[in-house]
């Protein structure tokens, strides 16, 4: 049986934390930023964790 291939796009988007959770960036911070408030843009800068419901799926994609 061949090895499972990990998803290259997912590998670049997600990181595993020390406790095994998955870290991700927030969406909507790439373009069309002029209409967004400073507070909203500031909050989009920080990383957040992937929801528990999606964790197993993401882990399988990145091969963790």
Protein backbone atom coordinates (compact mmCIF):
# COMPACT_ATOMS: atom_id res chain seq x y z
CA UNK A 1 0.00 0.00 0.00
CA UNK A 2 1.49 3.40 -0.95
CA UNK A 3 1.92 6.21 1.54
CA UNK A 4 -0.90 8.75 1.92
CA UNK A 5 -0.17 12.10 0.32
CA UNK A 6 -0.68 15.18 2.46
CA UNK A 7 -2.51 18.17 1.00
CA UNK A 8 0.14 20.72 -0.06
CA UNK A 9 -2.22 23.68 0.21
CA UNK A 10 -3.28 22.68 3.73
CA UNK A 11 0.35 22.21 4.82
CA UNK A 12 1.01 25.87 4.04
CA UNK A 13 -2.13 27.14 5.83
CA UNK A 14 -2.14 25.24 9.12
CA UNK A 15 0.32 24.66 11.99
CA UNK A 16 0.04 22.20 14.88
CA UNK A 17 0.41 23.74 18.36
CA UNK A 18 2.28 22.11 21.23
CA UNK A 19 -0.95 20.76 22.68
CA UNK A 20 -2.00 19.26 19.33
CA UNK A 21 -4.58 21.85 18.33
CA UNK A 22 -4.49 23.37 14.81
CA UNK A 23 -3.66 27.05 14.31
CA UNK A 24 -4.99 29.07 11.36
CA UNK A 25 -5.10 32.62 10.03
CA UNK A 26 -8.35 34.56 9.80
CA UNK A 27 -10.01 35.26 6.46
CA UNK A 28 -10.95 38.66 4.90
CA UNK A 29 -7.61 40.42 5.49
CA UNK A 30 -6.13 40.31 1.96
CA UNK A 31 -7.79 43.10 -0.03
CA UNK A 32 -10.70 45.60 0.01
CA UNK A 33 -9.41 46.84 3.37
CA UNK A 34 -10.43 50.49 2.99
CA UNK A 35 -14.06 49.87 3.93
CA UNK A 36 -13.14 47.80 7.00
CA UNK A 37 -12.65 49.51 10.35
CA UNK A 38 -9.28 49.64 12.10
CA UNK A 39 -10.65 47.50 14.93
CA UNK A 40 -11.85 44.83 12.51
CA UNK A 41 -8.53 44.77 10.62
CA UNK A 42 -6.59 44.59 13.90
CA UNK A 43 -8.66 41.61 15.06
CA UNK A 44 -8.10 39.83 11.72
CA UNK A 45 -4.32 40.00 12.22
CA UNK A 46 -4.29 37.52 15.09
CA UNK A 47 -4.22 33.74 14.62
CA UNK A 48 -6.99 31.51 15.93
CA UNK A 49 -7.63 27.79 16.40
CA UNK A 50 -9.49 25.51 14.02
CA UNK A 51 -12.86 24.40 15.41
CA UNK A 52 -12.88 21.01 17.16
CA UNK A 53 -15.41 19.68 14.62
CA UNK A 54 -12.97 20.30 11.73
CA UNK A 55 -9.77 19.32 13.54
CA UNK A 56 -9.68 15.65 12.53
CA UNK A 57 -10.28 16.56 8.87
CA UNK A 58 -7.47 19.13 8.84
CA UNK A 59 -5.08 16.78 10.64
CA UNK A 60 -5.72 14.13 8.01
CA UNK A 61 -5.03 16.70 5.24
CA UNK A 62 -1.71 17.86 6.70
CA UNK A 63 -0.63 14.36 7.71
CA UNK A 64 -0.32 15.17 11.43
